[in-house]
Amino acid sequence: LRAEGMPAPWIAEDLGLPPATIRRIAPADPEGQREWL
């Protein structure tokens, strides 16, 4: 999901984990973030 650019808080909500954990286990991809936006 991060590779697709989905924001960490959305992934966290989906997986039931804190956003900080998502940011730690799956760093953001800037190009993916632009496409997601």
PDB file of all heavy atoms in Angstrom:
ATOM      1  N   LEU A   1       0.822  -1.208   0.000  1.00  0.00           N
ATOM      2  CA  LEU A   1       0.000   0.000   0.000  1.00  0.00           C
ATOM      3  C   LEU A   1       0.857   1.260   0.000  1.00  0.00           C
ATOM      4  O   LEU A   1       0.523   2.245  -0.657  1.00  0.00           O
ATOM      5  CB  LEU A   1      -0.960  -0.012   1.189  1.00  0.00           C
ATOM      6  CG  LEU A   1      -2.029  -1.112   1.137  1.00  0.00           C
ATOM      7  CD1 LEU A   1      -2.816  -1.146   2.443  1.00  0.00           C
ATOM      8  CD2 LEU A   1      -2.950  -0.935  -0.053  1.00  0.00           C
ATOM      9  N   ARG A   2       1.980   1.242   0.717  1.00  0.00           N
ATOM     10  CA  ARG A   2       2.880   2.395   0.721  1.00  0.00           C
ATOM     11  C   ARG A   2       3.483   2.591  -0.670  1.00  0.00           C
ATOM     12  O   ARG A   2       3.645   3.717  -1.127  1.00  0.00           O
ATOM     13  CB  ARG A   2       3.993   2.231   1.748  1.00  0.00           C
ATOM     14  CG  ARG A   2       3.554   2.528   3.153  1.00  0.00           C
ATOM     15  CD  ARG A   2       3.139   3.947   3.349  1.00  0.00           C
ATOM     16  NE  ARG A   2       4.192   4.657   4.057  1.00  0.00           N
ATOM     17  CZ  ARG A   2       4.106   5.881   4.475  1.00  0.00           C
ATOM     18  NH1 ARG A   2       3.005   6.568   4.285  1.00  0.00           N
ATOM     19  NH2 ARG A   2       5.096   6.454   5.104  1.00  0.00           N
ATOM     20  N   ALA A   3       3.815   1.486  -1.343  1.00  0.00           N
ATOM     21  CA  ALA A   3       4.364   1.588  -2.698  1.00  0.00           C
ATOM     22  C   ALA A   3       3.361   2.234  -3.645  1.00  0.00           C
ATOM     23  O   ALA A   3       3.742   2.896  -4.608  1.00  0.00           O
ATOM     24  CB  ALA A   3       4.777   0.209  -3.210  1.00  0.00           C
ATOM     25  N   GLU A   4       2.076   2.052  -3.362  1.00  0.00           N
ATOM     26  CA  GLU A   4       1.022   2.692  -4.158  1.00  0.00           C
ATOM     27  C   GLU A   4       0.825   4.146  -3.746  1.00  0.00           C
ATOM     28  O   GLU A   4       0.089   4.868  -4.390  1.00  0.00           O
ATOM     29  CB  GLU A   4      -0.294   1.942  -3.995  1.00  0.00           C
ATOM     30  CG  GLU A   4      -0.283   0.557  -4.596  1.00  0.00           C
ATOM     31  CD  GLU A   4      -1.568  -0.200  -4.329  1.00  0.00           C
ATOM     32  OE1 GLU A   4      -2.486   0.328  -3.658  1.00  0.00           O
ATOM     33  OE2 GLU A   4      -1.659  -1.353  -4.788  1.00  0.00           O
ATOM     34  N   GLY A   5       1.474   4.546  -2.636  1.00  0.00           N
ATOM     35  CA  GLY A   5       1.386   5.925  -2.176  1.00  0.00           C
ATOM     36  C   GLY A   5       0.348   6.191  -1.112  1.00  0.00           C
ATOM     37  O   GLY A   5       0.119   7.330  -0.736  1.00  0.00           O
ATOM     38  N   MET A   6      -0.318   5.154  -0.606  1.00  0.00           N
ATOM     39  CA  MET A   6      -1.349   5.363   0.400  1.00  0.00           C
ATOM     40  C   MET A   6      -0.716   5.954   1.664  1.00  0.00           C
ATOM     41  O   MET A   6       0.337   5.516   2.102  1.00  0.00           O
ATOM     42  CB  MET A   6      -2.062   4.051   0.735  1.00  0.00           C
ATOM     43  CG  MET A   6      -3.230   4.242   1.690  1.00  0.00           C
ATOM     44  SD  MET A   6      -4.101   2.714   2.091  1.00  0.00           S
ATOM     45  CE  MET A   6      -5.028   2.462   0.605  1.00  0.00           C
ATOM     46  N   PRO A   7      -1.352   6.948   2.264  1.00  0.00           N
ATOM     47  CA  PRO A   7      -0.820   7.559   3.490  1.00  0.00           C
ATOM     48  C   PRO A   7      -0.794   6.574   4.664  1.00  0.00           C
ATOM     49  O   PRO A   7      -1.680   5.720   4.805  1.00  0.00           O
ATOM     50  CB  PRO A   7      -1.799   8.694   3.780  1.00  0.00           C
ATOM     51  CG  PRO A   7      -2.527   8.931   2.501  1.00  0.00           C
ATOM     52  CD  PRO A   7      -2.549   7.621   1.778  1.00  0.00           C
ATOM     53  N   ALA A   8       0.219   6.716   5.499  1.00  0.00           N
ATOM     54  CA  ALA A   8       0.391   5.828   6.655  1.00  0.00           C
ATOM     55  C   ALA A   8      -0.845   5.760   7.555  1.00  0.00           C
ATOM     56  O   ALA A   8      -1.220   4.678   8.002  1.00  0.00           O
ATOM     57  CB  ALA A   8       1.624   6.224   7.454  1.00  0.00           C
ATOM     58  N   PRO A   9      -1.520   6.888   7.862  1.00  0.00           N
ATOM     59  CA  PRO A   9      -2.698   6.787   8.731  1.00  0.00           C
ATOM     60  C   PRO A   9      -3.815   5.911   8.149  1.00  0.00           C
ATOM     61  O   PRO A   9      -4.515   5.219   8.879  1.00  0.00           O
ATOM     62  CB  PRO A   9      -3.165   8.241   8.883  1.00  0.00           C
ATOM     63  CG  PRO A   9      -1.924   9.048   8.676  1.00  0.00           C
ATOM     64  CD  PRO A   9      -1.160   8.297   7.612  1.00  0.00           C
ATOM     65  N   TRP A  10      -3.964   5.927   6.831  1.00  0.00           N
ATOM     66  CA  TRP A  10      -4.996   5.086   6.204  1.00  0.00           C
ATOM     67  C   TRP A  10      -4.622   3.617   6.304  1.00  0.00           C
ATOM     68  O   TRP A  10      -5.463   2.767   6.569  1.00  0.00           O
ATOM     69  CB  TRP A  10      -5.187   5.486   4.754  1.00  0.00           C
ATOM     70  CG  TRP A  10      -5.829   6.820   4.559  1.00  0.00           C
ATOM     71  CD1 TRP A  10      -5.904   7.845   5.466  1.00  0.00           C
ATOM     72  CD2 TRP A  10      -6.478   7.268   3.394  1.00  0.00           C
ATOM     73  NE1 TRP A  10      -6.556   8.906   4.911  1.00  0.00           N
ATOM     74  CE2 TRP A  10      -6.912   8.588   3.643  1.00  0.00           C
ATOM     75  CE3 TRP A  10      -6.714   6.704   2.161  1.00  0.00           C
ATOM     76  CZ2 TRP A  10      -7.598   9.329   2.696  1.00  0.00           C
ATOM     77  CZ3 TRP A  10      -7.396   7.452   1.217  1.00  0.00           C
ATOM     78  CH2 TRP A  10      -7.831   8.741   1.490  1.00  0.00           C
ATOM     79  N   ILE A  11      -3.353   3.324   6.065  1.00  0.00           N
ATOM     80  CA  ILE A  11      -2.886   1.941   6.170  1.00  0.00           C
ATOM     81  C   ILE A  11      -3.021   1.477   7.614  1.00  0.00           C
ATOM     82  O   ILE A  11      -3.459   0.354   7.876  1.00  0.00           O
ATOM     83  CB  ILE A  11      -1.427   1.811   5.683  1.00  0.00           C
ATOM     84  CG1 ILE A  11      -1.322   2.218   4.215  1.00  0.00           C
ATOM     85  CG2 ILE A  11      -0.907   0.394   5.894  1.00  0.00           C
ATOM     86  CD1 ILE A  11       0.104   2.388   3.731  1.00  0.00           C
ATOM     87  N   ALA A  12      -2.656   2.351   8.535  1.00  0.00           N
ATOM     88  CA  ALA A  12      -2.746   2.012   9.957  1.00  0.00           C
ATOM     89  C   ALA A  12      -4.176   1.671  10.344  1.00  0.00           C
ATOM     90  O   ALA A  12      -4.424   0.693  11.064  1.00  0.00           O
ATOM     91  CB  ALA A  12      -2.228   3.188  10.790  1.00  0.00           C
ATOM     92  N   GLU A  13      -5.114   2.449   9.843  1.00  0.00           N
ATOM     93  CA  GLU A  13      -6.527   2.193  10.122  1.00  0.00           C
ATOM     94  C   GLU A  13      -6.946   0.829   9.572  1.00  0.00           C
ATOM     95  O   GLU A  13      -7.628   0.054  10.233  1.00  0.00           O
ATOM     96  CB  GLU A  13      -7.352   3.308   9.482  1.00  0.00           C
ATOM     97  CG  GLU A  13      -8.817   3.253   9.783  1.00  0.00           C
ATOM     98  CD  GLU A  13      -9.551   4.423   9.143  1.00  0.00           C
ATOM     99  OE1 GLU A  13      -9.037   5.550   9.141  1.00  0.00           O
ATOM    100  OE2 GLU A  13     -10.651   4.172   8.631  1.00  0.00           O
ATOM    101  N   ASP A  14      -6.501   0.539   8.362  1.00  0.00           N
ATOM    102  CA  ASP A  14      -6.833  -0.730   7.707  1.00  0.00           C
ATOM    103  C   ASP A  14      -6.250  -1.917   8.466  1.00  0.00           C
ATOM    104  O   ASP A  14      -6.909  -2.946   8.627  1.00  0.00           O
ATOM    105  CB  ASP A  14      -6.301  -0.708   6.269  1.00  0.00           C
ATOM    106  CG  ASP A  14      -6.642  -1.963   5.489  1.00  0.00           C
ATOM    107  OD1 ASP A  14      -7.783  -2.459   5.619  1.00  0.00           O
ATOM    108  OD2 ASP A  14      -5.772  -2.455   4.753  1.00  0.00           O
ATOM    109  N   LEU A  15      -5.012  -1.776   8.948  1.00  0.00           N
ATOM    110  CA  LEU A  15      -4.316  -2.897   9.588  1.00  0.00           C
ATOM    111  C   LEU A  15      -4.447  -2.918  11.112  1.00  0.00           C
ATOM    112  O   LEU A  15      -3.986  -3.851  11.753  1.00  0.00           O
ATOM    113  CB  LEU A  15      -2.834  -2.881   9.200  1.00  0.00           C
ATOM    114  CG  LEU A  15      -2.534  -3.037   7.712  1.00  0.00           C
ATOM    115  CD1 LEU A  15      -1.039  -2.958   7.460  1.00  0.00           C
ATOM    116  CD2 LEU A  15      -3.107  -4.336   7.177  1.00  0.00           C
ATOM    117  N   GLY A  16      -5.035  -1.885  11.675  1.00  0.00           N
ATOM    118  CA  GLY A  16      -5.185  -1.833  13.124  1.00  0.00           C
ATOM    119  C   GLY A  16      -3.871  -1.594  13.852  1.00  0.00           C
ATOM    120  O   GLY A  16      -3.664  -2.100  14.952  1.00  0.00           O
ATOM    121  N   LEU A  17      -2.989  -0.802  13.241  1.00  0.00           N
ATOM    122  CA  LEU A  17      -1.690  -0.487  13.821  1.00  0.00           C
ATOM    123  C   LEU A  17      -1.537   1.023  13.918  1.00  0.00           C
ATOM    124  O   LEU A  17      -2.185   1.764  13.177  1.00  0.00           O
ATOM    125  CB  LEU A  17      -0.562  -1.045  12.944  1.00  0.00           C
ATOM    126  CG  LEU A  17      -0.499  -2.559  12.795  1.00  0.00           C
ATOM    127  CD1 LEU A  17       0.480  -2.939  11.689  1.00  0.00           C
ATOM    128  CD2 LEU A  17      -0.111  -3.200  14.112  1.00  0.00           C
ATOM    129  N   PRO A  18      -0.662   1.506  14.795  1.00  0.00           N
ATOM    130  CA  PRO A  18      -0.413   2.952  14.853  1.00  0.00           C
ATOM    131  C   PRO A  18       0.286   3.452  13.586  1.00  0.00           C
ATOM    132  O   PRO A  18       1.115   2.732  13.007  1.00  0.00           O
ATOM    133  CB  PRO A  18       0.519   3.108  16.067  1.00  0.00           C
ATOM    134  CG  PRO A  18       0.387   1.842  16.836  1.00  0.00           C
ATOM    135  CD  PRO A  18       0.031   0.779  15.852  1.00  0.00           C
ATOM    136  N   PRO A  19      -0.022   4.678  13.146  1.00  0.00           N
ATOM    137  CA  PRO A  19       0.643   5.223  11.960  1.00  0.00           C
ATOM    138  C   PRO A  19       2.173   5.225  12.074  1.00  0.00           C
ATOM    139  O   PRO A  19       2.866   4.990  11.085  1.00  0.00           O
ATOM    140  CB  PRO A  19       0.091   6.648  11.860  1.00  0.00           C
ATOM    141  CG  PRO A  19      -1.247   6.563  12.514  1.00  0.00           C
ATOM    142  CD  PRO A  19      -1.072   5.573  13.628  1.00  0.00           C
ATOM    143  N   ALA A  20       2.703   5.474  13.266  1.00  0.00           N
ATOM    144  CA  ALA A  20       4.164   5.475  13.440  1.00  0.00           C
ATOM    145  C   ALA A  20       4.756   4.104  13.126  1.00  0.00           C
ATOM    146  O   ALA A  20       5.859   4.004  12.571  1.00  0.00           O
ATOM    147  CB  ALA A  20       4.533   5.896  14.861  1.00  0.00           C
ATOM    148  N   THR A  21       4.031   3.052  13.445  1.00  0.00           N
ATOM    149  CA  THR A  21       4.501   1.699  13.130  1.00  0.00           C
ATOM    150  C   THR A  21       4.530   1.498  11.626  1.00  0.00           C
ATOM    151  O   THR A  21       5.485   0.937  11.084  1.00  0.00           O
ATOM    152  CB  THR A  21       3.594   0.639  13.800  1.00  0.00           C
ATOM    153  OG1 THR A  21       3.644   0.847  15.220  1.00  0.00           O
ATOM    154  CG2 THR A  21       4.031  -0.763  13.462  1.00  0.00           C
ATOM    155  N   ILE A  22       3.508   1.971  10.944  1.00  0.00           N
ATOM    156  CA  ILE A  22       3.471   1.853   9.479  1.00  0.00           C
ATOM    157  C   ILE A  22       4.649   2.603   8.872  1.00  0.00           C
ATOM    158  O   ILE A  22       5.332   2.090   7.985  1.00  0.00           O
ATOM    159  CB  ILE A  22       2.137   2.383   8.913  1.00  0.00           C
ATOM    160  CG1 ILE A  22       0.953   1.586   9.464  1.00  0.00           C
ATOM    161  CG2 ILE A  22       2.156   2.374   7.383  1.00  0.00           C
ATOM    162  CD1 ILE A  22       0.985   0.104   9.171  1.00  0.00           C
ATOM    163  N   ARG A  23       4.901   3.803   9.363  1.00  0.00           N
ATOM    164  CA  ARG A  23       6.025   4.594   8.827  1.00  0.00           C
ATOM    165  C   ARG A  23       7.363   3.887   9.043  1.00  0.00           C
ATOM    166  O   ARG A  23       8.272   3.997   8.231  1.00  0.00           O
ATOM    167  CB  ARG A  23       6.042   5.970   9.466  1.00  0.00           C
ATOM    168  CG  ARG A  23       4.904   6.847   9.009  1.00  0.00           C
ATOM    169  CD  ARG A  23       5.000   8.261   9.603  1.00  0.00           C
ATOM    170  NE  ARG A  23       3.776   8.977   9.337  1.00  0.00           N
ATOM    171  CZ  ARG A  23       2.779   9.128  10.231  1.00  0.00           C
ATOM    172  NH1 ARG A  23       2.901   8.630  11.444  1.00  0.00           N
ATOM    173  NH2 ARG A  23       1.695   9.779   9.885  1.00  0.00           N
ATOM    174  N   ARG A  24       7.475   3.154  10.138  1.00  0.00           N
ATOM    175  CA  ARG A  24       8.719   2.436  10.458  1.00  0.00           C
ATOM    176  C   ARG A  24       8.882   1.183   9.596  1.00  0.00           C
ATOM    177  O   ARG A  24       9.968   0.905   9.115  1.00  0.00           O
ATOM    178  CB  ARG A  24       8.726   2.078  11.946  1.00  0.00           C
ATOM    179  CG  ARG A  24      10.075   1.763  12.495  1.00  0.00           C
ATOM    180  CD  ARG A  24      10.152   1.695  14.021  1.00  0.00           C
ATOM    181  NE  ARG A  24       8.970   1.212  14.720  1.00  0.00           N
ATOM    182  CZ  ARG A  24       8.091   1.992  15.363  1.00  0.00           C
ATOM    183  NH1 ARG A  24       8.230   3.293  15.374  1.00  0.00           N
ATOM    184  NH2 ARG A  24       7.057   1.469  15.981  1.00  0.00           N
ATOM    185  N   ILE A  25       7.805   0.427   9.390  1.00  0.00           N
ATOM    186  CA  ILE A  25       7.938  -0.838   8.644  1.00  0.00           C
ATOM    187  C   ILE A  25       7.822  -0.664   7.140  1.00  0.00           C
ATOM    188  O   ILE A  25       8.241  -1.535   6.380  1.00  0.00           O
ATOM    189  CB  ILE A  25       6.920  -1.906   9.124  1.00  0.00           C
ATOM    190  CG1 ILE A  25       5.477  -1.482   8.849  1.00  0.00           C
ATOM    191  CG2 ILE A  25       7.148  -2.244  10.586  1.00  0.00           C
ATOM    192  CD1 ILE A  25       4.444  -2.548   9.156  1.00  0.00           C
ATOM    193  N   ALA A  26       7.241   0.480   6.713  1.00  0.00           N
ATOM    194  CA  ALA A  26       7.048   0.709   5.273  1.00  0.00           C
ATOM    195  C   ALA A  26       7.243   2.199   4.968  1.00  0.00           C
ATOM    196  O   ALA A  26       6.279   2.955   4.938  1.00  0.00           O
ATOM    197  CB  ALA A  26       5.660   0.242   4.848  1.00  0.00           C
ATOM    198  N   PRO A  27       8.484   2.608   4.749  1.00  0.00           N
ATOM    199  CA  PRO A  27       8.731   4.026   4.455  1.00  0.00           C
ATOM    200  C   PRO A  27       7.993   4.478   3.192  1.00  0.00           C
ATOM    201  O   PRO A  27       7.699   3.684   2.306  1.00  0.00           O
ATOM    202  CB  PRO A  27      10.244   4.089   4.237  1.00  0.00           C
ATOM    203  CG  PRO A  27      10.784   2.843   4.858  1.00  0.00           C
ATOM    204  CD  PRO A  27       9.695   1.819   4.768  1.00  0.00           C
ATOM    205  N   ALA A  28       7.703   5.761   3.146  1.00  0.00           N
ATOM    206  CA  ALA A  28       6.962   6.334   2.022  1.00  0.00           C
ATOM    207  C   ALA A  28       7.792   6.347   0.743  1.00  0.00           C
ATOM    208  O   ALA A  28       9.007   6.482   0.772  1.00  0.00           O
ATOM    209  CB  ALA A  28       6.536   7.756   2.359  1.00  0.00           C
ATOM    210  N   ASP A  29       7.103   6.210  -0.367  1.00  0.00           N
ATOM    211  CA  ASP A  29       7.685   6.339  -1.698  1.00  0.00           C
ATOM    212  C   ASP A  29       7.173   7.655  -2.271  1.00  0.00           C
ATOM    213  O   ASP A  29       5.974   7.782  -2.530  1.00  0.00           O
ATOM    214  CB  ASP A  29       7.255   5.163  -2.571  1.00  0.00           C
ATOM    215  CG  ASP A  29       7.601   5.361  -4.032  1.00  0.00           C
ATOM    216  OD1 ASP A  29       8.699   5.860  -4.326  1.00  0.00           O
ATOM    217  OD2 ASP A  29       6.759   5.023  -4.881  1.00  0.00           O
ATOM    218  N   PRO A  30       8.051   8.656  -2.461  1.00  0.00           N
ATOM    219  CA  PRO A  30       7.570   9.974  -2.907  1.00  0.00           C
ATOM    220  C   PRO A  30       6.762   9.942  -4.205  1.00  0.00           C
ATOM    221  O   PRO A  30       5.732  10.603  -4.312  1.00  0.00           O
ATOM    222  CB  PRO A  30       8.857  10.786  -3.080  1.00  0.00           C
ATOM    223  CG  PRO A  30       9.841  10.119  -2.185  1.00  0.00           C
ATOM    224  CD  PRO A  30       9.479   8.657  -2.206  1.00  0.00           C
ATOM    225  N   GLU A  31       7.190   9.166  -5.186  1.00  0.00           N
ATOM    226  CA  GLU A  31       6.437   9.107  -6.451  1.00  0.00           C
ATOM    227  C   GLU A  31       5.068   8.458  -6.227  1.00  0.00           C
ATOM    228  O   GLU A  31       4.055   8.895  -6.762  1.00  0.00           O
ATOM    229  CB  GLU A  31       7.210   8.354  -7.524  1.00  0.00           C
ATOM    230  CG  GLU A  31       6.488   8.303  -8.860  1.00  0.00           C
ATOM    231  CD  GLU A  31       6.071   9.670  -9.404  1.00  0.00           C
ATOM    232  OE1 GLU A  31       6.833  10.629  -9.272  1.00  0.00           O
ATOM    233  OE2 GLU A  31       4.960   9.764  -9.964  1.00  0.00           O
ATOM    234  N   GLY A  32       5.041   7.400  -5.433  1.00  0.00           N
ATOM    235  CA  GLY A  32       3.771   6.753  -5.118  1.00  0.00           C
ATOM    236  C   GLY A  32       2.833   7.701  -4.388  1.00  0.00           C
ATOM    237  O   GLY A  32       1.622   7.703  -4.637  1.00  0.00           O
ATOM    238  N   GLN A  33       3.393   8.526  -3.483  1.00  0.00           N
ATOM    239  CA  GLN A  33       2.562   9.495  -2.767  1.00  0.00           C
ATOM    240  C   GLN A  33       1.947  10.512  -3.721  1.00  0.00           C
ATOM    241  O   GLN A  33       0.778  10.861  -3.585  1.00  0.00           O
ATOM    242  CB  GLN A  33       3.392  10.226  -1.713  1.00  0.00           C
ATOM    243  CG  GLN A  33       3.640   9.396  -0.480  1.00  0.00           C
ATOM    244  CD  GLN A  33       4.392  10.185   0.567  1.00  0.00           C
ATOM    245  OE1 GLN A  33       5.415  10.794   0.278  1.00  0.00           O
ATOM    246  NE2 GLN A  33       3.886  10.159   1.773  1.00  0.00           N
ATOM    247  N   ARG A  34       2.740  10.987  -4.678  1.00  0.00           N
ATOM    248  CA  ARG A  34       2.202  11.947  -5.650  1.00  0.00           C
ATOM    249  C   ARG A  34       1.055  11.321  -6.451  1.00  0.00           C
ATOM    250  O   ARG A  34       0.016  11.945  -6.663  1.00  0.00           O
ATOM    251  CB  ARG A  34       3.308  12.429  -6.585  1.00  0.00           C
ATOM    252  CG  ARG A  34       4.187  13.500  -5.963  1.00  0.00           C
ATOM    253  CD  ARG A  34       5.113  14.123  -6.982  1.00  0.00           C
ATOM    254  NE  ARG A  34       6.181  13.235  -7.389  1.00  0.00           N
ATOM    255  CZ  ARG A  34       7.301  13.022  -6.697  1.00  0.00           C
ATOM    256  NH1 ARG A  34       7.496  13.640  -5.557  1.00  0.00           N
ATOM    257  NH2 ARG A  34       8.220  12.206  -7.141  1.00  0.00           N
ATOM    258  N   GLU A  35       1.238  10.084  -6.879  1.00  0.00           N
ATOM    259  CA  GLU A  35       0.185   9.402  -7.649  1.00  0.00           C
ATOM    260  C   GLU A  35      -1.054   9.195  -6.789  1.00  0.00           C
ATOM    261  O   GLU A  35      -2.181   9.366  -7.246  1.00  0.00           O
ATOM    262  CB  GLU A  35       0.694   8.071  -8.194  1.00  0.00           C
ATOM    263  CG  GLU A  35      -0.342   7.309  -8.997  1.00  0.00           C
ATOM    264  CD  GLU A  35      -0.915   8.088 -10.172  1.00  0.00           C
ATOM    265  OE1 GLU A  35      -0.163   8.881 -10.785  1.00  0.00           O
ATOM    266  OE2 GLU A  35      -2.115   7.925 -10.474  1.00  0.00           O
ATOM    267  N   TRP A  36      -0.854   8.814  -5.522  1.00  0.00           N
ATOM    268  CA  TRP A  36      -1.992   8.621  -4.616  1.00  0.00           C
ATOM    269  C   TRP A  36      -2.772   9.921  -4.467  1.00  0.00           C
ATOM    270  O   TRP A  36      -4.002   9.935  -4.524  1.00  0.00           O
ATOM    271  CB  TRP A  36      -1.524   8.122  -3.249  1.00  0.00           C
ATOM    272  CG  TRP A  36      -2.674   7.962  -2.310  1.00  0.00           C
ATOM    273  CD1 TRP A  36      -3.087   8.831  -1.356  1.00  0.00           C
ATOM    274  CD2 TRP A  36      -3.609   6.885  -2.281  1.00  0.00           C
ATOM    275  NE1 TRP A  36      -4.202   8.367  -0.724  1.00  0.00           N
ATOM    276  CE2 TRP A  36      -4.540   7.172  -1.271  1.00  0.00           C
ATOM    277  CE3 TRP A  36      -3.734   5.708  -3.007  1.00  0.00           C
ATOM    278  CZ2 TRP A  36      -5.586   6.322  -0.962  1.00  0.00           C
ATOM    279  CZ3 TRP A  36      -4.786   4.865  -2.687  1.00  0.00           C
ATOM    280  CH2 TRP A  36      -5.700   5.168  -1.681  1.00  0.00           C
ATOM    281  N   LEU A  37      -2.059  11.032  -4.273  1.00  0.00           N
ATOM    282  CA  LEU A  37      -2.741  12.314  -4.120  1.00  0.00           C
ATOM    283  C   LEU A  37      -3.523  12.685  -5.376  1.00  0.00           C
ATOM    284  O   LEU A  37      -4.643  13.210  -5.280  1.00  0.00           O
ATOM    285  CB  LEU A  37      -1.728  13.409  -3.766  1.00  0.00           C
ATOM    286  CG  LEU A  37      -1.141  13.304  -2.361  1.00  0.00           C
ATOM    287  CD1 LEU A  37      -0.019  14.321  -2.177  1.00  0.00           C
ATOM    288  CD2 LEU A  37      -2.212  13.465  -1.302  1.00  0.00           C
TER     289      LEU A  37
END
